[in-house]
Amino acid sequence: MSFEIQRGLFGHDVTDHYAILGIPLGTDPKTVRKRFLQIAPRLHPDTCSAANAQGKAYAQQLMSRLVNPAYATLSNDAKRADYEAVLRTLHSRLPQQINRVAIQGDLARELSQATNVQGTYLKALQTLTASQYDDLEQVLNRIAEISELNLVYLLKTAAGSASPARPAAAPPPPPPAQRPAPTPTSGGETTGAREGTASNTQFVLRALQRAEELTAKGQFAMAMQELKDALKIDGNNADCHAWLGKVYLTQKQGTLAKVHLTRALAIDPRNAIALAAKQELDRATGGQATGQATGQTAKPNKPQPKTIGGGKDKPGGGLFGGLFGRKK
C-alpha cells in the first residue's frame, strides 16, 4: 500500500505529523494524546468503518505507518524538540522557496489571502479535521489538505514577520456564533492584542525550557537557535540573553558571551544565570574580557625580551590567542 503524499510539508521533504493527527502546529502534548485517543478507535479493526477485511487491513496500516509514528514523535520531548527544529529550519527558508509552493486546496488558498492568519488557519483546520478519519478512502487526501494548510500558515508567518516556525498552539475555536467580538480596553488595546501578547510570552517560556533541556544534552547549536528565535519575539528578555551568553561561554565564544551577559544584567542586574556566567567568564579571562576589576592590585608587567622584528608584540593575545594567534 502506498502512503506517499506530495502536498504541503510533505512536498518539502518533511513528514507532517501535525497534519496526520489533525491538530494545529505547536499543539501541547496533552492535546496530542487526546487527539490520538480519538483517532485510535476509528482505525481499530473492531471499531473502524471498513466493511471488509481489506478495508480493516488498510485501517491498520494507517495506524501503524502514519498515526503511531506521529504520536510517538509529538509526545516524546526529545523527538519533538528535534522535529520542531526541522520545522523552524523550513520556516526560515520558505521565503526563498516561495516559487515551489503550489496551492491546490480551497481553504489553503483562502488562508493565503487572509489578513487574520491565525483565526482563518484554526477555522479551516477545524473544518478539515472534523471528519478526517470517517472515510478511510479519503484519509490521505485529507491529510494532504491539512498539510497544505500548515505550509501556507508557515509561509504567511515567515513572510509577515521574523516569528519562528513553531506558532503558538490553540485549541479549535468555538463556532462563529459563540465567538465574542474583540473588546477594546480602556487603553485602546483589544482582547485579540492581549491574546497575541500572551501567545508570545508562552512561546518565549517554552523556548527557554527547550534551550535548557538542549544545553543539558550538549546540543548547543539547537539551544542557541531556540534562544535566538525567542529574542526575535522579546529582545529585552533578560533570561534569554543570560542563557545565550551562558551557551556561548560553554562554546568558548567569550566575546559573544560578554555581549549577551552584559545585556542581561543591564535589563536585570540580579539575574542569577547571568551573574554566575559572568563570574565564570571573569575567571577564564582574569577579568579582562568583561572590563571588570578583579579586586587585586595590578602587578607591574615584567619586561619582555625584544624580538628581531623591531620589538613588536607577538600576535594572539586574549582568550583564543593560544589557538588562533600563532604565526605558522
C-alpha atoms as a PDB file:
ATOM      1  CA  MET A   1       0.000   0.000   0.000  1.00  0.00           C
ATOM      2  CA  SER A   2       1.313   3.441  -0.941  1.00  0.00           C
ATOM      3  CA  PHE A   3       1.174   6.195   1.660  1.00  0.00           C
ATOM      4  CA  GLU A   4       3.099   8.783  -0.331  1.00  0.00           C
ATOM      5  CA  ILE A   5       1.846  12.362  -0.004  1.00  0.00           C
ATOM      6  CA  GLN A   6       3.297  15.156  -2.138  1.00  0.00           C
ATOM      7  CA  ARG A   7       1.362  18.220  -0.983  1.00  0.00           C
ATOM      8  CA  GLY A   8       2.075  20.631   1.836  1.00  0.00           C
ATOM      9  CA  LEU A   9       5.051  19.970   4.102  1.00  0.00           C
ATOM     10  CA  PHE A  10       5.407  16.504   2.592  1.00  0.00           C
ATOM     11  CA  GLY A  11       6.385  18.181  -0.684  1.00  0.00           C
ATOM     12  CA  HIS A  12       9.294  19.810   1.163  1.00  0.00           C
ATOM     13  CA  ASP A  13      10.641  16.508   2.482  1.00  0.00           C
ATOM     14  CA  VAL A  14       9.072  16.936   5.932  1.00  0.00           C
ATOM     15  CA  THR A  15       6.642  14.393   7.344  1.00  0.00           C
ATOM     16  CA  ASP A  16       3.755  16.467   8.688  1.00  0.00           C
ATOM     17  CA  HIS A  17       2.937  14.756  11.985  1.00  0.00           C
ATOM     18  CA  TYR A  18       0.561  17.560  12.925  1.00  0.00           C
ATOM     19  CA  ALA A  19      -1.452  17.042   9.736  1.00  0.00           C
ATOM     20  CA  ILE A  20      -1.579  13.281  10.303  1.00  0.00           C
ATOM     21  CA  LEU A  21      -3.133  13.805  13.720  1.00  0.00           C
ATOM     22  CA  GLY A  22      -5.227  16.754  12.552  1.00  0.00           C
ATOM     23  CA  ILE A  23      -4.050  19.244  15.184  1.00  0.00           C
ATOM     24  CA  PRO A  24      -2.662  22.811  14.998  1.00  0.00           C
ATOM     25  CA  LEU A  25       1.060  23.350  14.691  1.00  0.00           C
ATOM     26  CA  GLY A  26       2.616  23.534  18.142  1.00  0.00           C
ATOM     27  CA  THR A  27      -0.181  21.666  19.958  1.00  0.00           C
ATOM     28  CA  ASP A  28       0.794  20.750  23.521  1.00  0.00           C
ATOM     29  CA  PRO A  29       1.462  17.055  24.414  1.00  0.00           C
ATOM     30  CA  LYS A  30      -1.727  16.733  26.459  1.00  0.00           C
ATOM     31  CA  THR A  31      -3.883  17.692  23.474  1.00  0.00           C
ATOM     32  CA  VAL A  32      -1.769  15.460  21.224  1.00  0.00           C
ATOM     33  CA  ARG A  33      -2.650  12.458  23.398  1.00  0.00           C
ATOM     34  CA  LYS A  34      -6.325  13.432  23.497  1.00  0.00           C
ATOM     35  CA  ARG A  35      -6.474  13.568  19.696  1.00  0.00           C
ATOM     36  CA  PHE A  36      -4.626  10.256  19.383  1.00  0.00           C
ATOM     37  CA  LEU A  37      -7.208   8.582  21.615  1.00  0.00           C
ATOM     38  CA  GLN A  38      -9.954   9.950  19.358  1.00  0.00           C
ATOM     39  CA  ILE A  39      -8.345   8.547  16.210  1.00  0.00           C
ATOM     40  CA  ALA A  40      -7.317   5.119  17.518  1.00  0.00           C
ATOM     41  CA  PRO A  41     -10.850   3.606  17.757  1.00  0.00           C
ATOM     42  CA  ARG A  42     -11.617   4.739  14.200  1.00  0.00           C
ATOM     43  CA  LEU A  43      -8.709   2.681  12.870  1.00  0.00           C
ATOM     44  CA  HIS A  44      -9.030  -0.351  15.131  1.00  0.00           C
ATOM     45  CA  PRO A  45     -10.232  -3.442  13.218  1.00  0.00           C
ATOM     46  CA  ASP A  46     -13.142  -3.987  15.612  1.00  0.00           C
ATOM     47  CA  THR A  47     -14.465  -0.432  15.536  1.00  0.00           C
ATOM     48  CA  CYS A  48     -13.398   1.111  12.212  1.00  0.00           C
ATOM     49  CA  SER A  49     -15.885   1.896   9.449  1.00  0.00           C
ATOM     50  CA  ALA A  50     -14.410  -0.618   6.981  1.00  0.00           C
ATOM     51  CA  ALA A  51     -16.885  -3.290   5.898  1.00  0.00           C
ATOM     52  CA  ASN A  52     -14.401  -5.922   4.695  1.00  0.00           C
ATOM     53  CA  ALA A  53     -11.065  -7.454   5.601  1.00  0.00           C
ATOM     54  CA  GLN A  54      -9.181  -5.387   3.045  1.00  0.00           C
ATOM     55  CA  GLY A  55     -10.537  -2.158   4.499  1.00  0.00           C
ATOM     56  CA  LYS A  56      -9.694  -3.236   8.026  1.00  0.00           C
ATOM     57  CA  ALA A  57      -6.153  -4.080   6.933  1.00  0.00           C
ATOM     58  CA  TYR A  58      -5.840  -0.638   5.361  1.00  0.00           C
ATOM     59  CA  ALA A  59      -7.011   0.969   8.596  1.00  0.00           C
ATOM     60  CA  GLN A  60      -4.341  -0.953  10.494  1.00  0.00           C
ATOM     61  CA  GLN A  61      -1.722   0.247   8.029  1.00  0.00           C
ATOM     62  CA  LEU A  62      -2.819   3.849   8.516  1.00  0.00           C
ATOM     63  CA  MET A  63      -2.469   3.379  12.247  1.00  0.00           C
ATOM     64  CA  SER A  64       0.935   1.694  12.216  1.00  0.00           C
ATOM     65  CA  ARG A  65       2.609   3.681   9.437  1.00  0.00           C
ATOM     66  CA  LEU A  66       1.194   7.164   9.997  1.00  0.00           C
ATOM     67  CA  VAL A  67      -0.689   7.722  13.244  1.00  0.00           C
ATOM     68  CA  ASN A  68       1.556   5.800  15.649  1.00  0.00           C
ATOM     69  CA  PRO A  69       4.817   7.413  14.394  1.00  0.00           C
ATOM     70  CA  ALA A  70       3.204  10.867  14.541  1.00  0.00           C
ATOM     71  CA  TYR A  71       2.082  10.309  18.114  1.00  0.00           C
ATOM     72  CA  ALA A  72       5.454   8.834  19.109  1.00  0.00           C
ATOM     73  CA  THR A  73       7.229  11.936  17.782  1.00  0.00           C
ATOM     74  CA  LEU A  74       4.959  14.630  19.224  1.00  0.00           C
ATOM     75  CA  SER A  75       4.506  13.009  22.637  1.00  0.00           C
ATOM     76  CA  ASN A  76       8.231  12.467  23.287  1.00  0.00           C
ATOM     77  CA  ASP A  77      10.108  15.562  24.460  1.00  0.00           C
ATOM     78  CA  ALA A  78      13.407  14.764  22.752  1.00  0.00           C
ATOM     79  CA  LYS A  79      11.866  13.639  19.447  1.00  0.00           C
ATOM     80  CA  ARG A  80       9.503  16.596  19.469  1.00  0.00           C
ATOM     81  CA  ALA A  81      12.368  19.058  20.016  1.00  0.00           C
ATOM     82  CA  ASP A  82      14.310  17.588  17.101  1.00  0.00           C
ATOM     83  CA  TYR A  83      11.232  17.625  14.863  1.00  0.00           C
ATOM     84  CA  GLU A  84      10.359  21.219  15.685  1.00  0.00           C
ATOM     85  CA  ALA A  85      13.939  22.235  14.924  1.00  0.00           C
ATOM     86  CA  VAL A  86      13.337  20.867  11.423  1.00  0.00           C
ATOM     87  CA  LEU A  87      10.145  22.909  11.147  1.00  0.00           C
ATOM     88  CA  ARG A  88      11.940  26.068  12.240  1.00  0.00           C
ATOM     89  CA  THR A  89      14.605  25.495   9.620  1.00  0.00           C
ATOM     90  CA  LEU A  90      11.941  25.079   6.940  1.00  0.00           C
ATOM     91  CA  HIS A  91      10.139  28.166   8.252  1.00  0.00           C
ATOM     92  CA  SER A  92      13.258  30.299   7.858  1.00  0.00           C
ATOM     93  CA  ARG A  93      13.814  29.077   4.300  1.00  0.00           C
ATOM     94  CA  LEU A  94      10.259  29.337   2.993  1.00  0.00           C
ATOM     95  CA  PRO A  95      10.506  32.938   1.750  1.00  0.00           C
ATOM     96  CA  GLN A  96      13.316  31.811  -0.578  1.00  0.00           C
ATOM     97  CA  GLN A  97      11.295  28.777  -1.714  1.00  0.00           C
ATOM     98  CA  ILE A  98       8.041  30.580  -2.409  1.00  0.00           C
ATOM     99  CA  ASN A  99       8.137  29.608  -6.089  1.00  0.00           C
ATOM    100  CA  ARG A 100       7.997  25.948  -5.058  1.00  0.00           C
ATOM    101  CA  VAL A 101       4.746  26.377  -3.129  1.00  0.00           C
ATOM    102  CA  ALA A 102       1.782  25.212  -5.201  1.00  0.00           C
ATOM    103  CA  ILE A 103      -1.627  25.690  -3.568  1.00  0.00           C
ATOM    104  CA  GLN A 104      -4.418  23.332  -4.591  1.00  0.00           C
ATOM    105  CA  GLY A 105      -6.948  23.318  -1.750  1.00  0.00           C
ATOM    106  CA  ASP A 106      -9.644  25.993  -1.462  1.00  0.00           C
ATOM    107  CA  LEU A 107      -9.091  26.503   2.269  1.00  0.00           C
ATOM    108  CA  ALA A 108      -5.328  26.825   1.844  1.00  0.00           C
ATOM    109  CA  ARG A 109      -5.893  29.312  -0.969  1.00  0.00           C
ATOM    110  CA  GLU A 110      -8.258  31.270   1.270  1.00  0.00           C
ATOM    111  CA  LEU A 111      -5.628  31.319   4.031  1.00  0.00           C
ATOM    112  CA  SER A 112      -3.012  32.621   1.590  1.00  0.00           C
ATOM    113  CA  GLN A 113      -5.180  35.723   1.047  1.00  0.00           C
ATOM    114  CA  ALA A 114      -6.305  36.174   4.655  1.00  0.00           C
ATOM    115  CA  THR A 115      -5.311  39.072   6.886  1.00  0.00           C
ATOM    116  CA  ASN A 116      -6.392  37.312  10.102  1.00  0.00           C
ATOM    117  CA  VAL A 117      -3.957  34.439   9.610  1.00  0.00           C
ATOM    118  CA  GLN A 118      -4.338  32.752  12.996  1.00  0.00           C
ATOM    119  CA  GLY A 119      -8.136  32.853  13.061  1.00  0.00           C
ATOM    120  CA  THR A 120      -8.514  31.726   9.441  1.00  0.00           C
ATOM    121  CA  TYR A 121      -5.993  28.932   9.963  1.00  0.00           C
ATOM    122  CA  LEU A 122      -7.753  27.490  13.019  1.00  0.00           C
ATOM    123  CA  LYS A 123     -11.205  27.752  11.428  1.00  0.00           C
ATOM    124  CA  ALA A 124     -10.053  25.975   8.257  1.00  0.00           C
ATOM    125  CA  LEU A 125      -8.269  23.327  10.297  1.00  0.00           C
ATOM    126  CA  GLN A 126     -11.419  22.636  12.291  1.00  0.00           C
ATOM    127  CA  THR A 127     -13.332  22.124   9.049  1.00  0.00           C
ATOM    128  CA  LEU A 128     -10.788  19.654   7.662  1.00  0.00           C
ATOM    129  CA  THR A 129     -10.295  17.613  10.841  1.00  0.00           C
ATOM    130  CA  ALA A 130     -13.946  17.249  11.843  1.00  0.00           C
ATOM    131  CA  SER A 131     -14.332  14.084   9.736  1.00  0.00           C
ATOM    132  CA  GLN A 132     -10.694  13.362   8.935  1.00  0.00           C
ATOM    133  CA  TYR A 133     -10.831   9.613   9.633  1.00  0.00           C
ATOM    134  CA  ASP A 134     -14.510   8.936   8.904  1.00  0.00           C
ATOM    135  CA  ASP A 135     -13.942   7.902   5.271  1.00  0.00           C
ATOM    136  CA  LEU A 136     -10.821   5.730   5.090  1.00  0.00           C
ATOM    137  CA  GLU A 137     -10.524   6.183   1.332  1.00  0.00           C
ATOM    138  CA  GLN A 138     -10.191   9.948   1.786  1.00  0.00           C
ATOM    139  CA  VAL A 139      -7.793   9.955   4.729  1.00  0.00           C
ATOM    140  CA  LEU A 140      -4.641  10.600   2.679  1.00  0.00           C
ATOM    141  CA  ASN A 141      -6.327  13.370   0.703  1.00  0.00           C
ATOM    142  CA  ARG A 142      -7.489  15.000   3.909  1.00  0.00           C
ATOM    143  CA  ILE A 143      -4.003  14.785   5.447  1.00  0.00           C
ATOM    144  CA  ALA A 144      -2.603  16.373   2.284  1.00  0.00           C
ATOM    145  CA  GLU A 145      -5.115  19.241   2.539  1.00  0.00           C
ATOM    146  CA  ILE A 146      -4.236  19.847   6.190  1.00  0.00           C
ATOM    147  CA  SER A 147      -0.515  19.754   5.441  1.00  0.00           C
ATOM    148  CA  GLU A 148      -1.002  22.245   2.633  1.00  0.00           C
ATOM    149  CA  LEU A 149      -2.822  24.465   5.109  1.00  0.00           C
ATOM    150  CA  ASN A 150       0.118  24.136   7.520  1.00  0.00           C
ATOM    151  CA  LEU A 151       2.562  25.040   4.773  1.00  0.00           C
ATOM    152  CA  VAL A 152       0.634  28.183   3.860  1.00  0.00           C
ATOM    153  CA  TYR A 153       0.451  29.125   7.540  1.00  0.00           C
ATOM    154  CA  LEU A 154       4.226  28.838   7.890  1.00  0.00           C
ATOM    155  CA  LEU A 155       4.746  30.762   4.660  1.00  0.00           C
ATOM    156  CA  LYS A 156       2.458  33.581   5.805  1.00  0.00           C
ATOM    157  CA  THR A 157       4.126  33.896   9.199  1.00  0.00           C
ATOM    158  CA  ALA A 158       7.593  33.697   7.650  1.00  0.00           C
ATOM    159  CA  ALA A 159       6.808  36.396   5.102  1.00  0.00           C
ATOM    160  CA  GLY A 160       4.969  38.628   7.550  1.00  0.00           C
ATOM    161  CA  SER A 161       7.447  38.678  10.420  1.00  0.00           C
ATOM    162  CA  ALA A 162      10.520  37.102  11.906  1.00  0.00           C
ATOM    163  CA  SER A 163       8.432  34.752  14.027  1.00  0.00           C
ATOM    164  CA  PRO A 164       9.628  31.149  14.390  1.00  0.00           C
ATOM    165  CA  ALA A 165       8.174  28.137  12.714  1.00  0.00           C
ATOM    166  CA  ARG A 166       6.544  26.943  15.867  1.00  0.00           C
ATOM    167  CA  PRO A 167       3.394  29.095  16.151  1.00  0.00           C
ATOM    168  CA  ALA A 168       1.559  29.248  19.425  1.00  0.00           C
ATOM    169  CA  ALA A 169      -0.856  26.379  19.741  1.00  0.00           C
ATOM    170  CA  ALA A 170      -4.520  26.949  20.337  1.00  0.00           C
ATOM    171  CA  PRO A 171      -7.465  24.575  20.600  1.00  0.00           C
ATOM    172  CA  PRO A 172     -10.021  24.659  17.790  1.00  0.00           C
ATOM    173  CA  PRO A 173     -12.189  27.784  18.186  1.00  0.00           C
ATOM    174  CA  PRO A 174     -15.886  27.566  19.045  1.00  0.00           C
ATOM    175  CA  PRO A 175     -18.456  28.085  16.266  1.00  0.00           C
ATOM    176  CA  PRO A 176     -18.512  31.661  14.930  1.00  0.00           C
ATOM    177  CA  ALA A 177     -21.833  32.433  16.600  1.00  0.00           C
ATOM    178  CA  GLN A 178     -20.302  31.766  20.011  1.00  0.00           C
ATOM    179  CA  ARG A 179     -17.105  33.755  19.484  1.00  0.00           C
ATOM    180  CA  PRO A 180     -17.266  37.209  21.089  1.00  0.00           C
ATOM    181  CA  ALA A 181     -16.050  40.216  19.144  1.00  0.00           C
ATOM    182  CA  PRO A 182     -12.773  41.807  20.271  1.00  0.00           C
ATOM    183  CA  THR A 183     -13.377  44.026  23.274  1.00  0.00           C
ATOM    184  CA  PRO A 184     -11.421  47.305  23.477  1.00  0.00           C
ATOM    185  CA  THR A 185      -9.774  48.037  26.796  1.00  0.00           C
ATOM    186  CA  SER A 186      -9.518  51.414  28.446  1.00  0.00           C
ATOM    187  CA  GLY A 187      -6.166  51.965  26.734  1.00  0.00           C
ATOM    188  CA  GLY A 188      -7.469  51.010  23.306  1.00  0.00           C
ATOM    189  CA  GLU A 189      -5.980  47.510  23.419  1.00  0.00           C
ATOM    190  CA  THR A 190      -8.268  44.751  22.150  1.00  0.00           C
ATOM    191  CA  THR A 191      -8.745  41.272  23.530  1.00  0.00           C
ATOM    192  CA  GLY A 192      -7.048  39.924  20.394  1.00  0.00           C
ATOM    193  CA  ALA A 193      -3.987  42.037  21.102  1.00  0.00           C
ATOM    194  CA  ARG A 194      -3.815  40.730  24.667  1.00  0.00           C
ATOM    195  CA  GLU A 195      -4.088  37.162  23.370  1.00  0.00           C
ATOM    196  CA  GLY A 196      -1.242  37.842  20.934  1.00  0.00           C
ATOM    197  CA  THR A 197       0.925  39.131  23.778  1.00  0.00           C
ATOM    198  CA  ALA A 198       0.118  36.078  25.884  1.00  0.00           C
ATOM    199  CA  SER A 199       0.913  33.839  22.923  1.00  0.00           C
ATOM    200  CA  ASN A 200       4.336  35.467  22.504  1.00  0.00           C
ATOM    201  CA  THR A 201       5.066  35.102  26.201  1.00  0.00           C
ATOM    202  CA  GLN A 202       4.125  31.441  26.066  1.00  0.00           C
ATOM    203  CA  PHE A 203       6.451  30.878  23.126  1.00  0.00           C
ATOM    204  CA  VAL A 204       9.395  32.559  24.878  1.00  0.00           C
ATOM    205  CA  LEU A 205       8.874  30.486  28.022  1.00  0.00           C
ATOM    206  CA  ARG A 206       8.758  27.275  26.015  1.00  0.00           C
ATOM    207  CA  ALA A 207      11.866  28.280  24.085  1.00  0.00           C
ATOM    208  CA  LEU A 208      13.723  28.877  27.340  1.00  0.00           C
ATOM    209  CA  GLN A 209      12.672  25.476  28.641  1.00  0.00           C
ATOM    210  CA  ARG A 210      13.756  23.744  25.437  1.00  0.00           C
ATOM    211  CA  ALA A 211      17.063  25.634  25.422  1.00  0.00           C
ATOM    212  CA  GLU A 212      17.796  24.500  28.969  1.00  0.00           C
ATOM    213  CA  GLU A 213      16.991  20.885  28.069  1.00  0.00           C
ATOM    214  CA  LEU A 214      19.108  21.014  24.905  1.00  0.00           C
ATOM    215  CA  THR A 215      22.033  22.562  26.769  1.00  0.00           C
ATOM    216  CA  ALA A 216      21.898  19.765  29.329  1.00  0.00           C
ATOM    217  CA  LYS A 217      22.099  17.265  26.460  1.00  0.00           C
ATOM    218  CA  GLY A 218      25.054  19.055  24.879  1.00  0.00           C
ATOM    219  CA  GLN A 219      23.018  20.132  21.824  1.00  0.00           C
ATOM    220  CA  PHE A 220      24.358  23.681  21.943  1.00  0.00           C
ATOM    221  CA  ALA A 221      23.628  24.751  18.358  1.00  0.00           C
ATOM    222  CA  MET A 222      19.942  23.890  18.738  1.00  0.00           C
ATOM    223  CA  ALA A 223      19.832  25.620  22.133  1.00  0.00           C
ATOM    224  CA  MET A 224      21.290  28.780  20.580  1.00  0.00           C
ATOM    225  CA  GLN A 225      18.690  28.725  17.822  1.00  0.00           C
ATOM    226  CA  GLU A 226      15.859  28.379  20.352  1.00  0.00           C
ATOM    227  CA  LEU A 227      17.130  31.416  22.258  1.00  0.00           C
ATOM    228  CA  LYS A 228      17.700  33.498  19.124  1.00  0.00           C
ATOM    229  CA  ASP A 229      14.154  32.705  17.996  1.00  0.00           C
ATOM    230  CA  ALA A 230      12.831  33.774  21.392  1.00  0.00           C
ATOM    231  CA  LEU A 231      14.794  37.056  21.257  1.00  0.00           C
ATOM    232  CA  LYS A 232      13.137  37.837  17.919  1.00  0.00           C
ATOM    233  CA  ILE A 233       9.872  37.841  19.858  1.00  0.00           C
ATOM    234  CA  ASP A 234      11.145  39.571  23.014  1.00  0.00           C
ATOM    235  CA  GLY A 235      14.513  41.238  22.549  1.00  0.00           C
ATOM    236  CA  ASN A 236      14.536  42.535  26.133  1.00  0.00           C
ATOM    237  CA  ASN A 237      14.149  39.198  27.871  1.00  0.00           C
ATOM    238  CA  ALA A 238      16.964  39.002  30.430  1.00  0.00           C
ATOM    239  CA  ASP A 239      16.705  35.216  30.833  1.00  0.00           C
ATOM    240  CA  CYS A 240      17.094  34.650  27.093  1.00  0.00           C
ATOM    241  CA  HIS A 241      20.174  36.874  26.938  1.00  0.00           C
ATOM    242  CA  ALA A 242      21.591  35.206  30.057  1.00  0.00           C
ATOM    243  CA  TRP A 243      21.129  31.684  28.716  1.00  0.00           C
ATOM    244  CA  LEU A 244      22.508  32.643  25.309  1.00  0.00           C
ATOM    245  CA  GLY A 245      25.572  34.150  26.991  1.00  0.00           C
ATOM    246  CA  LYS A 246      25.971  31.002  29.062  1.00  0.00           C
ATOM    247  CA  VAL A 247      25.811  28.755  25.992  1.00  0.00           C
ATOM    248  CA  TYR A 248      28.314  30.939  24.119  1.00  0.00           C
ATOM    249  CA  LEU A 249      30.603  30.705  27.140  1.00  0.00           C
ATOM    250  CA  THR A 250      30.302  26.912  27.115  1.00  0.00           C
ATOM    251  CA  GLN A 251      31.353  27.010  23.467  1.00  0.00           C
ATOM    252  CA  LYS A 252      34.347  29.238  24.361  1.00  0.00           C
ATOM    253  CA  GLN A 253      32.962  32.189  22.426  1.00  0.00           C
ATOM    254  CA  GLY A 254      33.907  34.790  25.022  1.00  0.00           C
ATOM    255  CA  THR A 255      33.136  37.916  23.010  1.00  0.00           C
ATOM    256  CA  LEU A 256      29.567  36.867  22.180  1.00  0.00           C
ATOM    257  CA  ALA A 257      29.081  35.596  25.727  1.00  0.00           C
ATOM    258  CA  LYS A 258      30.101  39.007  27.072  1.00  0.00           C
ATOM    259  CA  VAL A 259      27.632  40.814  24.765  1.00  0.00           C
ATOM    260  CA  HIS A 260      24.612  38.833  25.933  1.00  0.00           C
ATOM    261  CA  LEU A 261      25.594  38.631  29.598  1.00  0.00           C
ATOM    262  CA  THR A 262      26.103  42.399  29.669  1.00  0.00           C
ATOM    263  CA  ARG A 263      22.722  42.889  28.034  1.00  0.00           C
ATOM    264  CA  ALA A 264      21.034  40.522  30.505  1.00  0.00           C
ATOM    265  CA  LEU A 265      22.484  42.371  33.506  1.00  0.00           C
ATOM    266  CA  ALA A 266      21.539  45.737  32.039  1.00  0.00           C
ATOM    267  CA  ILE A 267      17.917  44.537  31.928  1.00  0.00           C
ATOM    268  CA  ASP A 268      18.017  42.658  35.236  1.00  0.00           C
ATOM    269  CA  PRO A 269      21.086  43.333  37.416  1.00  0.00           C
ATOM    270  CA  ARG A 270      20.089  40.481  39.755  1.00  0.00           C
ATOM    271  CA  ASN A 271      19.678  37.801  37.094  1.00  0.00           C
ATOM    272  CA  ALA A 272      21.227  34.748  38.742  1.00  0.00           C
ATOM    273  CA  ILE A 273      22.091  32.950  35.494  1.00  0.00           C
ATOM    274  CA  ALA A 274      23.869  35.978  34.056  1.00  0.00           C
ATOM    275  CA  LEU A 275      25.737  36.714  37.302  1.00  0.00           C
ATOM    276  CA  ALA A 276      27.021  33.146  37.588  1.00  0.00           C
ATOM    277  CA  ALA A 277      28.068  33.005  33.932  1.00  0.00           C
ATOM    278  CA  LYS A 278      29.761  36.402  34.190  1.00  0.00           C
ATOM    279  CA  GLN A 279      31.809  35.218  37.171  1.00  0.00           C
ATOM    280  CA  GLU A 280      32.867  32.180  35.162  1.00  0.00           C
ATOM    281  CA  LEU A 281      33.826  34.402  32.231  1.00  0.00           C
ATOM    282  CA  ASP A 282      35.825  36.677  34.541  1.00  0.00           C
ATOM    283  CA  ARG A 283      37.716  33.698  35.937  1.00  0.00           C
ATOM    284  CA  ALA A 284      38.509  32.446  32.445  1.00  0.00           C
ATOM    285  CA  THR A 285      39.823  35.820  31.318  1.00  0.00           C
ATOM    286  CA  GLY A 286      41.251  37.264  34.503  1.00  0.00           C
ATOM    287  CA  GLY A 287      38.555  39.936  34.481  1.00  0.00           C
ATOM    288  CA  GLN A 288      39.847  41.467  31.236  1.00  0.00           C
ATOM    289  CA  ALA A 289      37.149  40.298  28.824  1.00  0.00           C
ATOM    290  CA  THR A 290      34.357  41.963  30.771  1.00  0.00           C
ATOM    291  CA  GLY A 291      36.218  45.103  31.709  1.00  0.00           C
ATOM    292  CA  GLN A 292      35.714  44.351  35.416  1.00  0.00           C
ATOM    293  CA  ALA A 293      38.401  44.837  38.050  1.00  0.00           C
ATOM    294  CA  THR A 294      39.412  41.689  39.855  1.00  0.00           C
ATOM    295  CA  GLY A 295      39.804  43.449  43.193  1.00  0.00           C
ATOM    296  CA  GLN A 296      43.532  42.692  43.359  1.00  0.00           C
ATOM    297  CA  THR A 297      46.397  45.114  42.998  1.00  0.00           C
ATOM    298  CA  ALA A 298      47.688  45.043  39.493  1.00  0.00           C
ATOM    299  CA  LYS A 299      51.168  43.637  39.223  1.00  0.00           C
ATOM    300  CA  PRO A 300      53.642  45.539  37.082  1.00  0.00           C
ATOM    301  CA  ASN A 301      54.275  43.961  33.758  1.00  0.00           C
ATOM    302  CA  LYS A 302      57.599  42.219  33.509  1.00  0.00           C
ATOM    303  CA  PRO A 303      59.792  43.473  30.681  1.00  0.00           C
ATOM    304  CA  GLN A 304      59.565  41.205  27.682  1.00  0.00           C
ATOM    305  CA  PRO A 305      62.577  40.284  25.587  1.00  0.00           C
ATOM    306  CA  LYS A 306      62.721  42.154  22.325  1.00  0.00           C
ATOM    307  CA  THR A 307      62.161  40.290  19.137  1.00  0.00           C
ATOM    308  CA  ILE A 308      64.044  40.570  15.913  1.00  0.00           C
ATOM    309  CA  GLY A 309      61.026  42.255  14.318  1.00  0.00           C
ATOM    310  CA  GLY A 310      61.757  45.606  15.927  1.00  0.00           C
ATOM    311  CA  GLY A 311      60.197  44.938  19.351  1.00  0.00           C
ATOM    312  CA  LYS A 312      56.575  44.487  18.177  1.00  0.00           C
ATOM    313  CA  ASP A 313      54.269  42.417  20.336  1.00  0.00           C
ATOM    314  CA  LYS A 314      53.539  38.890  19.278  1.00  0.00           C
ATOM    315  CA  PRO A 315      50.042  38.413  17.848  1.00  0.00           C
ATOM    316  CA  GLY A 316      47.484  36.220  19.516  1.00  0.00           C
ATOM    317  CA  GLY A 317      46.610  37.762  22.891  1.00  0.00           C
ATOM    318  CA  GLY A 318      43.316  37.195  24.688  1.00  0.00           C
ATOM    319  CA  LEU A 319      41.150  34.159  25.332  1.00  0.00           C
ATOM    320  CA  PHE A 320      41.849  32.417  21.996  1.00  0.00           C
ATOM    321  CA  GLY A 321      45.358  33.690  21.323  1.00  0.00           C
ATOM    322  CA  GLY A 322      46.873  30.299  22.009  1.00  0.00           C
ATOM    323  CA  LEU A 323      44.704  28.694  19.334  1.00  0.00           C
ATOM    324  CA  PHE A 324      44.488  31.236  16.547  1.00  0.00           C
ATOM    325  CA  GLY A 325      47.196  33.818  17.195  1.00  0.00           C
ATOM    326  CA  ARG A 326      50.370  31.983  16.318  1.00  0.00           C
ATOM    327  CA  LYS A 327      52.149  32.553  13.054  1.00  0.00           C
ATOM    328  CA  LYS A 328      52.746  29.425  11.089  1.00  0.00           C
END
